[in-house]
Protein backbone atom coordinates (compact mmCIF):
# COMPACT_ATOMS: atom_id res chain seq x y z
CA MET A 1 -55.83 -57.75 -17.25
CA THR A 2 -52.75 -56.60 -19.14
CA SER A 3 -50.17 -54.32 -17.62
CA SER A 4 -50.80 -51.66 -20.26
CA HIS A 5 -54.51 -51.73 -19.51
CA ASN A 6 -53.89 -51.38 -15.79
CA SER A 7 -51.49 -48.50 -16.42
CA ARG A 8 -54.02 -46.65 -18.49
CA TYR A 9 -57.07 -46.94 -16.28
CA GLY A 10 -55.67 -47.53 -12.85
CA GLY A 11 -51.93 -47.14 -12.92
CA ILE A 12 -52.24 -46.42 -9.24
CA ILE A 13 -50.11 -49.23 -7.82
CA SER A 14 -47.13 -48.65 -10.10
CA MET A 15 -47.44 -44.91 -9.51
CA ILE A 16 -47.44 -45.36 -5.74
CA ARG A 17 -44.33 -47.54 -5.90
CA MET A 18 -42.58 -45.03 -8.12
CA VAL A 19 -43.26 -41.92 -6.05
CA THR A 20 -42.62 -43.56 -2.68
CA LYS A 21 -39.37 -45.19 -3.72
CA HIS A 22 -37.87 -41.86 -4.71
CA LYS A 23 -35.41 -40.74 -2.04
CA SER A 24 -33.82 -37.33 -1.78
CA PRO A 25 -30.10 -37.36 -2.65
CA VAL A 26 -29.20 -34.53 -0.24
CA PHE A 27 -28.36 -36.53 2.90
CA GLN A 28 -24.70 -37.11 2.05
CA THR A 29 -23.10 -35.13 4.88
CA ASP A 30 -23.55 -35.40 8.64
CA ASP A 31 -24.84 -31.83 8.76
CA ALA A 32 -27.55 -32.66 6.22
CA ARG A 33 -28.41 -35.84 8.10
CA TRP A 34 -28.68 -34.03 11.41
CA ALA A 35 -30.96 -31.43 9.80
CA ALA A 36 -33.17 -34.29 8.59
CA VAL A 37 -33.29 -35.74 12.12
CA VAL A 38 -34.21 -32.35 13.62
CA ALA A 39 -36.99 -31.97 11.02
CA ARG A 40 -38.04 -35.63 11.40
CA ASN A 41 -37.90 -35.79 7.62
CA ALA A 42 -39.52 -39.05 6.46
CA ALA A 43 -37.82 -38.65 3.06
CA ALA A 44 -34.57 -39.67 4.78
CA ASP A 45 -36.00 -42.93 6.14
CA GLY A 46 -34.13 -45.85 4.66
CA VAL A 47 -31.34 -43.58 3.41
CA PHE A 48 -29.55 -43.54 6.77
CA TYR A 49 -30.12 -44.25 10.48
CA TYR A 50 -28.98 -42.34 13.54
CA ALA A 51 -27.74 -43.87 16.79
CA VAL A 52 -27.54 -42.33 20.26
CA LYS A 53 -24.52 -43.42 22.31
CA THR A 54 -26.16 -42.64 25.68
CA THR A 55 -29.12 -44.97 25.07
CA ARG A 56 -27.39 -47.43 22.72
CA VAL A 57 -30.48 -47.22 20.45
CA TYR A 58 -30.66 -46.43 16.73
CA CYS A 59 -33.68 -44.89 14.97
CA ARG A 60 -35.14 -43.73 11.68
CA PRO A 61 -34.65 -40.00 10.92
CA SER A 62 -38.43 -39.50 11.26
CA CYS A 63 -38.65 -41.10 14.72
CA ALA A 64 -40.88 -39.11 17.10
CA SER A 65 -38.83 -39.95 20.17
CA ARG A 66 -37.19 -37.22 22.26
CA ARG A 67 -34.37 -35.56 20.35
CA ALA A 68 -30.85 -36.45 21.50
CA ARG A 69 -27.98 -34.03 21.87
CA ARG A 70 -25.97 -33.63 18.67
CA GLU A 71 -22.69 -34.68 20.25
CA ASN A 72 -24.24 -38.03 21.21
CA VAL A 73 -25.50 -38.88 17.70
CA PHE A 74 -23.78 -41.02 15.08
CA PHE A 75 -25.00 -41.94 11.60
CA TYR A 76 -25.10 -45.29 9.81
CA LEU A 77 -26.15 -46.25 6.32
CA SER A 78 -27.76 -49.56 7.30
CA CYS A 79 -29.34 -51.36 10.24
CA ASN A 80 -26.60 -53.98 10.11
CA ALA A 81 -23.91 -51.31 10.47
CA ALA A 82 -25.66 -49.79 13.49
CA GLU A 83 -26.17 -53.17 15.17
CA HIS A 84 -22.59 -54.19 14.42
CA ALA A 85 -21.52 -51.07 16.32
CA GLY A 86 -23.48 -52.27 19.35
CA TYR A 87 -26.78 -50.40 18.99
CA ARG A 88 -30.26 -51.98 19.23
CA PRO A 89 -33.34 -50.95 17.19
CA CYS A 90 -35.76 -48.39 18.63
CA LYS A 91 -39.03 -49.96 19.80
CA ARG A 92 -40.95 -46.87 18.75
CA CYS A 93 -39.98 -46.40 15.10
CA ARG A 94 -38.78 -50.00 14.53
CA PRO A 95 -36.04 -49.12 12.02
CA ASP A 96 -35.33 -52.79 11.31
CA GLY A 97 -38.91 -53.37 10.07
CA PRO A 98 -41.05 -51.91 7.28
CA SER A 99 -41.24 -48.12 7.34
CA ILE A 100 -44.50 -46.32 8.02
CA GLU A 101 -44.52 -45.24 4.38
CA ASP A 102 -43.99 -48.81 3.18
CA ALA A 103 -46.81 -49.99 5.44
CA ARG A 104 -49.15 -47.34 4.02
CA VAL A 105 -48.23 -48.28 0.46
CA ALA A 106 -48.76 -51.96 1.22
CA ALA A 107 -52.18 -51.19 2.70
CA VAL A 108 -53.28 -49.24 -0.38
CA GLU A 109 -51.87 -51.89 -2.73
CA LYS A 110 -53.84 -54.54 -0.85
CA ALA A 111 -57.04 -52.51 -1.19
CA CYS A 112 -56.41 -51.99 -4.91
CA ARG A 113 -55.97 -55.73 -5.41
CA LEU A 114 -59.17 -56.36 -3.48
CA ILE A 115 -61.06 -53.94 -5.75
CA GLU A 116 -59.59 -55.53 -8.88
CA ARG A 117 -60.38 -59.12 -7.86
CA ALA A 118 -63.86 -58.60 -6.39
CA ASP A 119 -66.93 -59.31 -8.51
CA THR A 120 -68.56 -56.17 -7.12
CA THR A 121 -67.00 -53.09 -5.55
CA PRO A 122 -66.26 -53.81 -1.86
CA ASN A 123 -67.50 -51.22 0.62
CA LEU A 124 -65.16 -48.93 2.55
CA ASP A 125 -65.36 -50.99 5.76
CA ARG A 126 -64.28 -54.14 3.96
CA MET A 127 -61.35 -52.40 2.25
CA ALA A 128 -60.20 -50.81 5.51
CA ALA A 129 -60.40 -54.17 7.28
CA ALA A 130 -58.34 -55.79 4.54
CA ALA A 131 -55.75 -53.03 4.90
CA GLY A 132 -55.71 -53.47 8.67
CA ILE A 133 -56.40 -49.83 9.54
CA SER A 134 -59.41 -47.79 10.60
CA ARG A 135 -62.07 -46.73 8.11
CA PHE A 136 -61.30 -43.01 8.42
CA HIS A 137 -57.52 -43.45 8.30
CA PHE A 138 -57.74 -45.79 5.32
CA HIS A 139 -59.83 -43.32 3.29
CA ARG A 140 -57.38 -40.48 4.04
CA VAL A 141 -54.26 -42.54 3.27
CA PHE A 142 -55.73 -43.96 0.05
CA LYS A 143 -56.57 -40.50 -1.28
CA GLN A 144 -53.25 -39.07 -0.15
CA LEU A 145 -51.24 -41.70 -2.02
CA THR A 146 -53.39 -42.10 -5.14
CA GLY A 147 -55.04 -38.72 -5.57
CA VAL A 148 -58.52 -40.27 -5.77
CA THR A 149 -60.96 -41.81 -3.31
CA PRO A 150 -61.34 -45.61 -3.11
CA LYS A 151 -64.75 -45.30 -4.79
CA ALA A 152 -63.35 -43.20 -7.67
CA TYR A 153 -60.52 -45.70 -8.15
CA ALA A 154 -62.97 -48.60 -8.25
CA THR A 155 -65.20 -46.80 -10.76
CA ALA A 156 -62.26 -45.88 -13.00
CA TYR A 157 -60.87 -49.42 -12.83
CA ARG A 158 -64.21 -50.98 -13.75
CA ALA A 159 -64.72 -48.46 -16.53
CA GLY A 160 -61.36 -49.57 -17.89
CA ARG A 161 -62.53 -53.17 -17.85
CA VAL A 162 -65.64 -52.17 -19.79
CA ARG A 163 -63.52 -50.34 -22.37
CA ALA A 164 -61.25 -53.35 -22.82
CA ALA A 165 -64.19 -55.74 -23.16
CA LEU A 166 -66.02 -53.52 -25.64
CA ALA A 167 -62.86 -53.08 -27.69
CA GLY A 168 -62.59 -56.87 -27.78
CA GLY A 169 -66.09 -57.22 -29.23
CA VAL A 170 -67.95 -58.31 -26.08
CA ALA A 171 -71.64 -57.42 -25.97
CA VAL A 172 -72.41 -54.22 -24.06
CA THR A 173 -74.53 -55.79 -21.30
CA GLU A 174 -72.05 -58.62 -20.76
CA ALA A 175 -69.14 -56.16 -20.61
CA ILE A 176 -70.93 -54.09 -17.95
CA TYR A 177 -71.60 -57.06 -15.68
CA ARG A 178 -68.18 -58.58 -16.26
CA ALA A 179 -66.66 -55.33 -15.00
CA GLY A 180 -68.58 -55.61 -11.73
CA PHE A 181 -71.25 -52.94 -12.17
CA ASN A 182 -74.30 -54.09 -10.22
CA SER A 183 -76.74 -52.72 -12.75
CA ASN A 184 -76.50 -51.48 -16.29
CA GLY A 185 -78.63 -48.48 -15.29
CA ARG A 186 -75.93 -47.25 -12.93
CA PHE A 187 -73.30 -47.64 -15.62
CA TYR A 188 -75.33 -45.96 -18.37
CA ALA A 189 -75.93 -42.95 -16.10
CA ASN A 190 -72.21 -42.14 -16.35
CA ALA A 191 -71.28 -43.95 -19.57
CA SER A 192 -70.61 -40.85 -21.65
CA ALA A 193 -68.23 -39.43 -19.05
CA MET A 194 -66.37 -42.74 -18.76
CA LEU A 195 -66.21 -43.66 -22.44
CA GLY A 196 -66.62 -40.33 -24.20
CA MET A 197 -69.57 -41.74 -26.15
CA THR A 198 -72.31 -44.33 -25.79
CA PRO A 199 -71.13 -47.92 -25.06
CA THR A 200 -72.53 -49.13 -28.40
CA ARG A 201 -70.60 -46.52 -30.34
CA PHE A 202 -67.44 -47.22 -28.38
CA ARG A 203 -67.73 -50.96 -29.06
CA ALA A 204 -67.94 -50.17 -32.78
CA GLY A 205 -64.75 -48.11 -32.60
CA GLY A 206 -66.55 -44.82 -32.91
CA VAL A 207 -69.03 -45.89 -35.57
CA GLY A 208 -71.81 -43.35 -35.60
CA GLU A 209 -69.69 -40.77 -33.81
CA ARG A 210 -69.58 -37.61 -35.89
CA ILE A 211 -66.46 -35.55 -35.36
CA ARG A 212 -66.07 -32.22 -37.02
CA PHE A 213 -62.54 -30.96 -37.55
CA GLY A 214 -60.53 -28.23 -39.14
CA VAL A 215 -56.84 -27.57 -39.76
CA GLY A 216 -55.39 -24.09 -39.87
CA GLU A 217 -52.29 -22.06 -39.18
CA CYS A 218 -51.30 -19.94 -36.20
CA SER A 219 -48.13 -18.37 -34.87
CA LEU A 220 -47.16 -21.74 -33.36
CA GLY A 221 -47.45 -23.64 -36.65
CA SER A 222 -50.25 -25.92 -37.78
CA ILE A 223 -53.28 -26.35 -35.52
CA LEU A 224 -56.02 -28.98 -35.63
CA VAL A 225 -59.29 -28.53 -33.77
CA ALA A 226 -61.87 -31.35 -33.48
CA ALA A 227 -65.22 -31.52 -31.74
CA THR A 228 -67.98 -34.02 -31.02
CA GLU A 229 -71.55 -33.09 -30.26
CA ARG A 230 -70.49 -32.64 -26.62
CA GLY A 231 -67.67 -30.17 -27.25
CA ILE A 232 -64.07 -29.81 -28.36
CA CYS A 233 -62.26 -33.14 -27.98
CA ALA A 234 -58.86 -32.26 -29.45
CA ILE A 235 -56.61 -29.28 -30.06
CA SER A 236 -53.29 -30.31 -31.56
CA LEU A 237 -50.23 -28.30 -32.57
CA GLY A 238 -47.47 -29.31 -34.94
CA ASP A 239 -45.54 -28.71 -38.12
CA ASP A 240 -47.33 -31.18 -40.41
CA PRO A 241 -51.14 -30.84 -40.90
CA ASP A 242 -51.39 -34.34 -42.39
CA ARG A 243 -49.72 -35.86 -39.34
CA LEU A 244 -52.16 -34.07 -37.04
CA LEU A 245 -55.08 -35.45 -39.02
CA ARG A 246 -53.67 -38.99 -39.01
CA ALA A 247 -53.37 -38.84 -35.22
CA LEU A 248 -57.05 -37.86 -34.98
CA GLN A 249 -58.00 -40.76 -37.28
CA ASP A 250 -56.00 -43.19 -35.13
CA ASN A 251 -57.95 -42.12 -32.05
CA PHE A 252 -61.32 -42.60 -33.78
CA PRO A 253 -60.70 -45.24 -36.47
CA HIS A 254 -64.37 -45.76 -37.32
CA ALA A 255 -65.82 -42.36 -36.56
CA GLU A 256 -67.18 -40.13 -39.27
CA LEU A 257 -64.72 -37.26 -39.66
CA VAL A 258 -66.29 -34.31 -41.45
CA GLY A 259 -65.20 -30.79 -42.23
CA GLY A 260 -66.51 -28.10 -39.94
CA ASP A 261 -69.68 -26.15 -40.66
CA ALA A 262 -70.14 -22.42 -40.08
CA LYS A 263 -70.60 -22.90 -36.33
CA PHE A 264 -67.47 -25.01 -36.08
CA GLU A 265 -65.49 -22.46 -38.07
CA ARG A 266 -66.43 -19.86 -35.46
CA TRP A 267 -65.20 -22.26 -32.75
CA MET A 268 -61.92 -22.72 -34.62
CA ALA A 269 -61.49 -18.98 -34.96
CA GLN A 270 -62.03 -18.65 -31.21
CA VAL A 271 -59.42 -21.32 -30.50
CA ILE A 272 -56.84 -19.64 -32.74
CA GLY A 273 -57.70 -16.29 -31.17
CA PHE A 274 -57.17 -17.84 -27.74
CA VAL A 275 -53.73 -19.07 -28.83
CA GLU A 276 -52.72 -15.67 -30.19
CA ALA A 277 -54.18 -13.58 -27.36
CA PRO A 278 -54.67 -15.75 -24.25
CA GLN A 279 -57.63 -14.94 -22.00
CA PRO A 280 -58.26 -15.87 -18.34
CA THR A 281 -60.92 -18.41 -19.30
CA PHE A 282 -61.70 -20.63 -22.29
CA ASP A 283 -65.38 -20.22 -23.08
CA LEU A 284 -66.02 -23.18 -25.39
CA GLN A 285 -67.35 -26.48 -24.04
CA LEU A 286 -64.87 -29.35 -23.86
CA ASP A 287 -65.40 -33.08 -24.33
CA VAL A 288 -62.77 -34.33 -21.87
CA ARG A 289 -62.21 -38.08 -21.60
CA GLY A 290 -60.14 -39.76 -18.92
CA THR A 291 -60.01 -41.52 -15.59
CA ALA A 292 -61.08 -39.86 -12.35
CA PHE A 293 -57.47 -39.02 -11.50
CA GLN A 294 -56.78 -37.58 -14.96
CA GLN A 295 -59.86 -35.39 -14.82
CA ARG A 296 -58.88 -34.07 -11.39
CA VAL A 297 -55.44 -33.12 -12.74
CA TRP A 298 -56.91 -31.45 -15.83
CA GLN A 299 -59.34 -29.49 -13.67
CA ALA A 300 -56.44 -28.32 -11.49
CA LEU A 301 -54.58 -27.17 -14.61
CA CYS A 302 -57.52 -25.02 -15.66
CA GLU A 303 -57.32 -23.18 -12.34
CA ILE A 304 -53.77 -21.91 -13.00
CA PRO A 305 -53.91 -18.19 -13.96
CA PRO A 306 -52.57 -17.28 -17.43
CA GLY A 307 -48.91 -16.30 -17.36
CA SER A 308 -48.32 -18.18 -14.12
CA THR A 309 -46.47 -21.45 -13.71
CA VAL A 310 -46.61 -24.12 -11.04
CA SER A 311 -44.66 -27.33 -10.54
CA TYR A 312 -45.95 -30.87 -10.84
CA SER A 313 -45.45 -31.11 -7.08
CA ASP A 314 -47.63 -28.03 -6.55
CA ILE A 315 -50.48 -29.62 -8.52
CA ALA A 316 -50.13 -32.86 -6.56
CA LYS A 317 -50.30 -30.96 -3.26
CA ARG A 318 -53.38 -29.01 -4.35
CA MET A 319 -55.08 -32.31 -5.10
CA GLY A 320 -54.24 -33.67 -1.66
CA ALA A 321 -51.75 -36.21 -3.09
CA PRO A 322 -48.33 -34.60 -2.46
CA GLN A 323 -46.40 -37.71 -3.46
CA ALA A 324 -48.06 -38.02 -6.87
CA ALA A 325 -45.94 -35.46 -8.76
CA ARG A 326 -44.71 -38.01 -11.30
CA ALA A 327 -48.23 -39.28 -11.90
CA VAL A 328 -49.34 -35.67 -12.47
CA ALA A 329 -46.55 -35.28 -15.03
CA ARG A 330 -47.77 -38.35 -16.91
CA VAL A 331 -51.33 -37.03 -16.94
CA CYS A 332 -50.10 -33.70 -18.33
CA ALA A 333 -48.30 -35.61 -21.06
CA SER A 334 -51.53 -37.44 -22.00
CA ASN A 335 -53.52 -34.22 -22.48
CA VAL A 336 -54.84 -33.95 -26.07
CA ILE A 337 -56.49 -30.54 -25.71
CA ALA A 338 -53.68 -28.01 -25.99
CA VAL A 339 -53.99 -24.50 -24.56
CA ALA A 340 -57.60 -24.94 -23.35
CA ILE A 341 -56.30 -27.42 -20.76
CA PRO A 342 -53.12 -25.48 -20.02
CA CYS A 343 -50.55 -28.15 -19.25
CA HIS A 344 -47.97 -25.70 -20.65
CA ARG A 345 -48.22 -23.82 -17.33
CA VAL A 346 -46.69 -26.73 -15.40
CA VAL A 347 -42.91 -26.80 -15.03
CA ARG A 348 -40.28 -28.66 -13.08
CA ARG A 349 -39.66 -27.74 -9.44
CA ASP A 350 -36.50 -25.84 -10.45
CA GLY A 351 -38.47 -23.79 -12.98
CA GLY A 352 -37.25 -25.71 -16.03
CA LEU A 353 -39.78 -26.09 -18.83
CA SER A 354 -39.47 -29.87 -18.98
CA GLY A 355 -41.22 -31.68 -21.84
CA TYR A 356 -44.34 -30.70 -23.76
CA ARG A 357 -46.45 -32.88 -26.05
CA TRP A 358 -46.24 -30.29 -28.82
CA GLY A 359 -42.64 -29.15 -28.30
CA VAL A 360 -40.82 -27.17 -25.61
CA GLU A 361 -40.44 -24.20 -27.97
CA ARG A 362 -44.24 -23.93 -28.22
CA LYS A 363 -44.53 -24.19 -24.46
CA GLN A 364 -42.09 -21.32 -24.07
CA ALA A 365 -43.92 -19.26 -26.72
CA LEU A 366 -47.32 -19.80 -25.05
CA LEU A 367 -46.00 -18.67 -21.68
CA ALA A 368 -44.39 -15.63 -23.28
CA LYS A 369 -47.71 -14.67 -24.92
CA GLU A 370 -49.54 -15.02 -21.63
CA ARG A 371 -47.02 -12.92 -19.73
CA LYS A 372 -47.47 -10.08 -22.18
């Protein structure tokens, strides 16, 4: 399994490491550190430690022990510094060992590795036992850190293995069993959602897939709309119509790209109308393709009211994965259906527009249209 493949279909482990290693830079004064201790702020764990001169014990900022008096508290940037000053580690929060957050991350990483190496998807009890925590707690922690359930992660990971095998020319049945699906019937029941088309068509690089498309102009520049039999699969914005079309061809190298018929032209007119005069809902059917986590993010985006903005952190919290803000940002960046999946309504925590696949100026223009 290549790293790029794992990033595309799982990406969970690297995402967990990224979001949990981020530490807030605001604990640089004693007042800020004391505020973190009072709040038992886990974000400060590992950034500094506090020691209590009356007990000669030092702790993590998030320690649940009884709060000491401020005049008895001193701060240190490392365990060694605290111990050199004559303090011993707290037996409750164990500051000289792995943090609670690190232990949770390690447990989820271990479960992910178990899923990836097993011939068939392990059940929840087995994964929890491997992680060394209870079944209920494991399920909650896994979803909190990754944004998806263990079952959804396993399904997405195995679907990724099928995609890689099919792209490499492996026979459909062999690819299904290699990926760990117990029966091809179970896989075929959800194949279109996982692959965006039938396994046979996917293996052939889109051969037999008929994609209608059209290129037009709107107030934001050139616009390309494409649709399969299942619904709209791409809405792209740009300055160069030819470049938009080449990008569509790269995504479906062997599909049959055809100009739109009368029905499709009505769809395209609706899309352009939606760009020019945004409505609360987008009425056309979409053909959305992605992992379980990506689809959850895209669904959350569609629930943002027009003219409103939320942060990547807000989306992560709504999904029950508050630490996955950076992963949410990456999913927004991978969205290929502009406007209908409104990733333009997501901004940085400070309100800044951040990046946008089709240009920050277009993001700003779309928000301005919606606010009118």
